[in-house]
PDB file of N, CA and C in Angstrom:
ATOM      1  N   UNK A   1     -45.339 -12.896-187.693  1.00  0.00           N
ATOM      2  CA  UNK A   1     -46.813 -12.461-186.645  1.00  0.00           C
ATOM      3  C   UNK A   1     -47.097 -14.090-186.069  1.00  0.00           C
ATOM      4  N   UNK A   2     -47.859 -14.320-185.055  1.00  0.00           N
ATOM      5  CA  UNK A   2     -48.565 -15.198-184.487  1.00  0.00           C
ATOM      6  C   UNK A   2     -49.930 -14.740-184.217  1.00  0.00           C
ATOM      7  N   UNK A   3     -50.582 -15.912-183.858  1.00  0.00           N
ATOM      8  CA  UNK A   3     -52.144 -15.649-183.260  1.00  0.00           C
ATOM      9  C   UNK A   3     -52.194 -14.879-182.237  1.00  0.00           C
ATOM     10  N   UNK A   4     -53.241 -14.165-182.149  1.00  0.00           N
ATOM     11  CA  UNK A   4     -53.524 -13.216-181.032  1.00  0.00           C
ATOM     12  C   UNK A   4     -54.198 -13.901-179.920  1.00  0.00           C
ATOM     13  N   UNK A   5     -55.379 -14.457-180.562  1.00  0.00           N
ATOM     14  CA  UNK A   5     -56.233 -15.001-179.548  1.00  0.00           C
ATOM     15  C   UNK A   5     -56.724 -16.396-180.233  1.00  0.00           C
ATOM     16  N   UNK A   6     -57.620 -17.210-179.651  1.00  0.00           N
ATOM     17  CA  UNK A   6     -57.935 -18.133-180.325  1.00  0.00           C
ATOM     18  C   UNK A   6     -59.409 -18.013-180.947  1.00  0.00           C
ATOM     19  N   UNK A   7     -59.608 -18.701-182.278  1.00  0.00           N
ATOM     20  CA  UNK A   7     -61.001 -18.631-182.523  1.00  0.00           C
ATOM     21  C   UNK A   7     -61.712 -20.094-182.862  1.00  0.00           C
ATOM     22  N   UNK A   8     -62.777 -20.338-183.373  1.00  0.00           N
ATOM     23  CA  UNK A   8     -63.642 -21.290-183.074  1.00  0.00           C
ATOM     24  C   UNK A   8     -64.967 -21.217-183.595  1.00  0.00           C
ATOM     25  N   UNK A   9     -65.201 -22.381-184.619  1.00  0.00           N
ATOM     26  CA  UNK A   9     -66.320 -22.466-185.474  1.00  0.00           C
ATOM     27  C   UNK A   9     -67.506 -22.985-184.791  1.00  0.00           C
ATOM     28  N   UNK A  10     -67.326 -23.564-183.914  1.00  0.00           N
ATOM     29  CA  UNK A  10     -68.270 -24.625-183.307  1.00  0.00           C
ATOM     30  C   UNK A  10     -69.106 -23.929-182.043  1.00  0.00           C
ATOM     31  N   UNK A  11     -70.098 -23.255-182.157  1.00  0.00           N
ATOM     32  CA  UNK A  11     -70.912 -22.723-181.171  1.00  0.00           C
ATOM     33  C   UNK A  11     -71.149 -23.838-180.011  1.00  0.00           C
ATOM     34  N   UNK A  12     -71.355 -25.023-179.976  1.00  0.00           N
ATOM     35  CA  UNK A  12     -71.479 -26.151-179.354  1.00  0.00           C
ATOM     36  C   UNK A  12     -70.297 -26.334-178.044  1.00  0.00           C
ATOM     37  N   UNK A  13     -69.099 -25.515-178.731  1.00  0.00           N
ATOM     38  CA  UNK A  13     -68.331 -26.176-177.870  1.00  0.00           C
ATOM     39  C   UNK A  13     -68.047 -25.206-176.785  1.00  0.00           C
ATOM     40  N   UNK A  14     -68.482 -24.385-176.611  1.00  0.00           N
ATOM     41  CA  UNK A  14     -68.709 -23.330-175.838  1.00  0.00           C
ATOM     42  C   UNK A  14     -69.141 -23.671-174.502  1.00  0.00           C
ATOM     43  N   UNK A  15     -68.468 -23.717-173.543  1.00  0.00           N
ATOM     44  CA  UNK A  15     -68.784 -23.585-171.970  1.00  0.00           C
ATOM     45  C   UNK A  15     -69.589 -22.452-171.559  1.00  0.00           C
ATOM     46  N   UNK A  16     -69.496 -21.237-171.881  1.00  0.00           N
ATOM     47  CA  UNK A  16     -69.717 -19.949-171.460  1.00  0.00           C
ATOM     48  C   UNK A  16     -69.628 -18.873-173.042  1.00  0.00           C
ATOM     49  N   UNK A  17     -70.606 -18.285-173.106  1.00  0.00           N
ATOM     50  CA  UNK A  17     -70.754 -17.786-174.093  1.00  0.00           C
ATOM     51  C   UNK A  17     -71.344 -16.072-173.796  1.00  0.00           C
ATOM     52  N   UNK A  18     -70.783 -15.365-174.669  1.00  0.00           N
ATOM     53  CA  UNK A  18     -71.277 -13.714-174.616  1.00  0.00           C
ATOM     54  C   UNK A  18     -71.337 -13.482-176.323  1.00  0.00           C
ATOM     55  N   UNK A  19     -72.905 -13.022-176.679  1.00  0.00           N
ATOM     56  CA  UNK A  19     -72.638 -12.705-178.018  1.00  0.00           C
ATOM     57  C   UNK A  19     -71.817 -11.349-178.044  1.00  0.00           C
ATOM     58  N   UNK A  20     -71.388 -11.007-179.304  1.00  0.00           N
ATOM     59  CA  UNK A  20     -71.134  -9.536-179.773  1.00  0.00           C
ATOM     60  C   UNK A  20     -71.509  -9.268-181.154  1.00  0.00           C
ATOM     61  N   UNK A  21     -71.503  -8.033-180.962  1.00  0.00           N
ATOM     62  CA  UNK A  21     -72.368  -7.330-182.249  1.00  0.00           C
ATOM     63  C   UNK A  21     -71.071  -6.435-182.935  1.00  0.00           C
ATOM     64  N   UNK A  22     -70.735  -7.503-183.756  1.00  0.00           N
ATOM     65  CA  UNK A  22     -69.619  -7.083-184.591  1.00  0.00           C
ATOM     66  C   UNK A  22     -68.568  -7.508-184.269  1.00  0.00           C
ATOM     67  N   UNK A  23     -67.325  -6.985-185.214  1.00  0.00           N
ATOM     68  CA  UNK A  23     -66.054  -7.176-184.989  1.00  0.00           C
ATOM     69  C   UNK A  23     -65.910  -8.199-186.162  1.00  0.00           C
ATOM     70  N   UNK A  24     -64.202  -8.013-186.982  1.00  0.00           N
ATOM     71  CA  UNK A  24     -63.597  -8.690-187.754  1.00  0.00           C
ATOM     72  C   UNK A  24     -62.420  -9.555-187.151  1.00  0.00           C
ATOM     73  N   UNK A  25     -62.559 -10.537-188.403  1.00  0.00           N
ATOM     74  CA  UNK A  25     -61.358 -11.500-187.829  1.00  0.00           C
ATOM     75  C   UNK A  25     -60.551 -11.664-189.376  1.00  0.00           C
ATOM     76  N   UNK A  26     -59.036 -11.660-189.129  1.00  0.00           N
ATOM     77  CA  UNK A  26     -58.220 -11.372-190.779  1.00  0.00           C
ATOM     78  C   UNK A  26     -57.864 -12.981-190.324  1.00  0.00           C
ATOM     79  N   UNK A  27     -58.275 -13.394-191.252  1.00  0.00           N
ATOM     80  CA  UNK A  27     -57.428 -15.004-191.467  1.00  0.00           C
ATOM     81  C   UNK A  27     -56.394 -14.882-192.150  1.00  0.00           C
ATOM     82  N   UNK A  28     -55.349 -15.958-192.126  1.00  0.00           N
ATOM     83  CA  UNK A  28     -53.983 -16.022-192.761  1.00  0.00           C
ATOM     84  C   UNK A  28     -54.213 -15.513-194.239  1.00  0.00           C
ATOM     85  N   UNK A  29     -54.984 -15.861-194.689  1.00  0.00           N
ATOM     86  CA  UNK A  29     -55.187 -15.842-196.283  1.00  0.00           C
ATOM     87  C   UNK A  29     -55.615 -14.572-196.565  1.00  0.00           C
ATOM     88  N   UNK A  30     -55.610 -13.527-195.935  1.00  0.00           N
ATOM     89  CA  UNK A  30     -56.101 -12.223-196.288  1.00  0.00           C
ATOM     90  C   UNK A  30     -57.612 -12.121-195.932  1.00  0.00           C
ATOM     91  N   UNK A  31     -58.519 -12.749-195.964  1.00  0.00           N
ATOM     92  CA  UNK A  31     -59.663 -12.571-195.857  1.00  0.00           C
ATOM     93  C   UNK A  31     -60.270 -12.501-194.292  1.00  0.00           C
ATOM     94  N   UNK A  32     -61.444 -12.004-194.204  1.00  0.00           N
ATOM     95  CA  UNK A  32     -62.079 -11.234-193.109  1.00  0.00           C
ATOM     96  C   UNK A  32     -63.605 -12.207-192.489  1.00  0.00           C
ATOM     97  N   UNK A  33     -63.589 -12.416-191.536  1.00  0.00           N
ATOM     98  CA  UNK A  33     -64.354 -13.268-191.198  1.00  0.00           C
ATOM     99  C   UNK A  33     -65.203 -12.457-189.951  1.00  0.00           C
ATOM    100  N   UNK A  34     -66.819 -12.288-189.696  1.00  0.00           N
ATOM    101  CA  UNK A  34     -67.096 -11.651-189.036  1.00  0.00           C
ATOM    102  C   UNK A  34     -66.815 -12.680-187.130  1.00  0.00           C
ATOM    103  N   UNK A  35     -66.918 -11.909-186.352  1.00  0.00           N
ATOM    104  CA  UNK A  35     -66.887 -12.736-185.018  1.00  0.00           C
ATOM    105  C   UNK A  35     -68.652 -12.389-184.316  1.00  0.00           C
ATOM    106  N   UNK A  36     -68.996 -13.415-184.134  1.00  0.00           N
ATOM    107  CA  UNK A  36     -70.141 -13.664-183.161  1.00  0.00           C
ATOM    108  C   UNK A  36     -70.470 -13.430-181.682  1.00  0.00           C
ATOM    109  N   UNK A  37     -69.366 -14.038-181.426  1.00  0.00           N
ATOM    110  CA  UNK A  37     -69.428 -13.891-179.658  1.00  0.00           C
ATOM    111  C   UNK A  37     -68.156 -14.171-179.255  1.00  0.00           C
ATOM    112  N   UNK A  38     -67.987 -14.278-177.769  1.00  0.00           N
ATOM    113  CA  UNK A  38     -66.990 -14.721-177.210  1.00  0.00           C
ATOM    114  C   UNK A  38     -66.962 -15.530-176.199  1.00  0.00           C
ATOM    115  N   UNK A  39     -65.960 -16.501-175.293  1.00  0.00           N
ATOM    116  CA  UNK A  39     -66.387 -17.199-174.146  1.00  0.00           C
ATOM    117  C   UNK A  39     -65.174 -18.240-173.993  1.00  0.00           C
ATOM    118  N   UNK A  40     -65.441 -19.237-173.582  1.00  0.00           N
ATOM    119  CA  UNK A  40     -64.586 -20.128-172.914  1.00  0.00           C
ATOM    120  C   UNK A  40     -65.151 -21.008-173.119  1.00  0.00           C
ATOM    121  N   UNK A  41     -63.544 -22.141-173.908  1.00  0.00           N
ATOM    122  CA  UNK A  41     -63.805 -23.380-174.937  1.00  0.00           C
ATOM    123  C   UNK A  41     -63.113 -24.416-173.674  1.00  0.00           C
ATOM    124  N   UNK A  42     -63.886 -25.774-172.976  1.00  0.00           N
ATOM    125  CA  UNK A  42     -63.188 -26.580-172.405  1.00  0.00           C
ATOM    126  C   UNK A  42     -62.678 -27.647-173.376  1.00  0.00           C
ATOM    127  N   UNK A  43     -61.450 -28.231-173.183  1.00  0.00           N
ATOM    128  CA  UNK A  43     -60.873 -29.339-174.149  1.00  0.00           C
ATOM    129  C   UNK A  43     -60.514 -30.176-172.760  1.00  0.00           C
ATOM    130  N   UNK A  44     -60.830 -31.485-173.318  1.00  0.00           N
ATOM    131  CA  UNK A  44     -60.560 -32.442-172.309  1.00  0.00           C
ATOM    132  C   UNK A  44     -59.298 -33.319-173.024  1.00  0.00           C
ATOM    133  N   UNK A  45     -57.959 -33.280-171.820  1.00  0.00           N
ATOM    134  CA  UNK A  45     -56.689 -33.631-172.436  1.00  0.00           C
ATOM    135  C   UNK A  45     -56.616 -35.349-171.807  1.00  0.00           C
ATOM    136  N   UNK A  46     -55.535 -35.685-172.503  1.00  0.00           N
ATOM    137  CA  UNK A  46     -55.619 -37.484-171.831  1.00  0.00           C
ATOM    138  C   UNK A  46     -55.463 -37.363-170.244  1.00  0.00           C
ATOM    139  N   UNK A  47     -55.446 -38.373-169.560  1.00  0.00           N
ATOM    140  CA  UNK A  47     -55.696 -38.392-168.146  1.00  0.00           C
ATOM    141  C   UNK A  47     -56.749 -37.728-167.307  1.00  0.00           C
ATOM    142  N   UNK A  48     -58.095 -37.575-168.092  1.00  0.00           N
ATOM    143  CA  UNK A  48     -58.692 -36.679-167.665  1.00  0.00           C
ATOM    144  C   UNK A  48     -58.711 -35.049-167.365  1.00  0.00           C
ATOM    145  N   UNK A  49     -57.630 -34.583-167.654  1.00  0.00           N
ATOM    146  CA  UNK A  49     -57.325 -33.540-167.452  1.00  0.00           C
ATOM    147  C   UNK A  49     -58.465 -32.454-168.196  1.00  0.00           C
ATOM    148  N   UNK A  50     -58.591 -31.408-167.764  1.00  0.00           N
ATOM    149  CA  UNK A  50     -59.576 -30.166-168.406  1.00  0.00           C
ATOM    150  C   UNK A  50     -58.955 -29.241-168.634  1.00  0.00           C
ATOM    151  N   UNK A  51     -58.616 -28.619-169.601  1.00  0.00           N
ATOM    152  CA  UNK A  51     -58.186 -27.304-170.085  1.00  0.00           C
ATOM    153  C   UNK A  51     -59.273 -26.200-170.313  1.00  0.00           C
ATOM    154  N   UNK A  52     -59.137 -24.988-169.960  1.00  0.00           N
ATOM    155  CA  UNK A  52     -60.264 -23.975-170.233  1.00  0.00           C
ATOM    156  C   UNK A  52     -59.431 -22.650-170.848  1.00  0.00           C
ATOM    157  N   UNK A  53     -59.735 -22.793-172.469  1.00  0.00           N
ATOM    158  CA  UNK A  53     -59.237 -21.448-173.226  1.00  0.00           C
ATOM    159  C   UNK A  53     -60.291 -20.443-172.994  1.00  0.00           C
ATOM    160  N   UNK A  54     -59.844 -19.228-172.487  1.00  0.00           N
ATOM    161  CA  UNK A  54     -60.782 -18.194-172.427  1.00  0.00           C
ATOM    162  C   UNK A  54     -60.651 -17.199-173.215  1.00  0.00           C
ATOM    163  N   UNK A  55     -61.763 -16.300-173.288  1.00  0.00           N
ATOM    164  CA  UNK A  55     -61.621 -14.997-174.549  1.00  0.00           C
ATOM    165  C   UNK A  55     -61.296 -15.712-175.859  1.00  0.00           C
ATOM    166  N   UNK A  56     -61.909 -17.013-176.303  1.00  0.00           N
ATOM    167  CA  UNK A  56     -62.166 -17.710-177.395  1.00  0.00           C
ATOM    168  C   UNK A  56     -63.181 -16.927-178.440  1.00  0.00           C
ATOM    169  N   UNK A  57     -62.972 -16.495-179.646  1.00  0.00           N
ATOM    170  CA  UNK A  57     -63.863 -16.056-180.448  1.00  0.00           C
ATOM    171  C   UNK A  57     -64.511 -16.818-181.263  1.00  0.00           C
ATOM    172  N   UNK A  58     -66.130 -16.787-181.307  1.00  0.00           N
ATOM    173  CA  UNK A  58     -66.668 -17.449-181.802  1.00  0.00           C
ATOM    174  C   UNK A  58     -66.817 -17.015-183.488  1.00  0.00           C
ATOM    175  N   UNK A  59     -66.670 -17.740-184.474  1.00  0.00           N
ATOM    176  CA  UNK A  59     -66.395 -17.442-185.812  1.00  0.00           C
ATOM    177  C   UNK A  59     -66.748 -18.522-186.712  1.00  0.00           C
ATOM    178  N   UNK A  60     -68.265 -18.103-186.567  1.00  0.00           N
ATOM    179  CA  UNK A  60     -69.001 -19.134-187.699  1.00  0.00           C
ATOM    180  C   UNK A  60     -68.325 -19.413-188.989  1.00  0.00           C
ATOM    181  N   UNK A  61     -67.904 -18.721-189.923  1.00  0.00           N
ATOM    182  CA  UNK A  61     -67.421 -18.847-190.978  1.00  0.00           C
ATOM    183  C   UNK A  61     -66.154 -19.834-190.899  1.00  0.00           C
ATOM    184  N   UNK A  62     -65.577 -19.466-189.898  1.00  0.00           N
ATOM    185  CA  UNK A  62     -64.382 -20.164-190.029  1.00  0.00           C
ATOM    186  C   UNK A  62     -64.130 -21.851-190.215  1.00  0.00           C
ATOM    187  N   UNK A  63     -63.361 -22.467-191.413  1.00  0.00           N
ATOM    188  CA  UNK A  63     -63.743 -23.723-191.807  1.00  0.00           C
ATOM    189  C   UNK A  63     -61.937 -24.107-191.900  1.00  0.00           C
ATOM    190  N   UNK A  64     -61.725 -25.201-191.887  1.00  0.00           N
ATOM    191  CA  UNK A  64     -60.206 -25.714-192.232  1.00  0.00           C
ATOM    192  C   UNK A  64     -60.205 -26.233-193.747  1.00  0.00           C
ATOM    193  N   UNK A  65     -59.410 -25.842-194.179  1.00  0.00           N
ATOM    194  CA  UNK A  65     -59.352 -26.389-195.500  1.00  0.00           C
ATOM    195  C   UNK A  65     -57.830 -27.538-195.756  1.00  0.00           C
ATOM    196  N   UNK A  66     -58.465 -28.611-196.255  1.00  0.00           N
ATOM    197  CA  UNK A  66     -57.104 -29.443-196.818  1.00  0.00           C
ATOM    198  C   UNK A  66     -57.071 -29.501-198.295  1.00  0.00           C
ATOM    199  N   UNK A  67     -56.040 -29.117-198.180  1.00  0.00           N
ATOM    200  CA  UNK A  67     -55.240 -29.465-199.633  1.00  0.00           C
ATOM    201  C   UNK A  67     -54.396 -30.942-199.737  1.00  0.00           C
ATOM    202  N   UNK A  68     -54.790 -31.734-200.814  1.00  0.00           N
ATOM    203  CA  UNK A  68     -54.157 -33.319-200.825  1.00  0.00           C
ATOM    204  C   UNK A  68     -53.544 -33.086-202.312  1.00  0.00           C
ATOM    205  N   UNK A  69     -52.967 -31.755-202.833  1.00  0.00           N
ATOM    206  CA  UNK A  69     -52.061 -31.849-203.916  1.00  0.00           C
ATOM    207  C   UNK A  69     -50.706 -32.142-203.472  1.00  0.00           C
TER     208      UNK A  69
END
């Protein structure tokens, strides 16, 4: 099973934002995090191309964990 939508923990990355009151996101390790909003995130690609990801969930608790073992 894959990702059903995009999620981002950086509020400042949203070009358009709508607050949400609730909702949970199930993370791959089995934990849940609260969604705080939804919106559009713009990503700059090489050669000045701009890509919009729509309906991105804002999940402030989402963090990337690195394992160096």
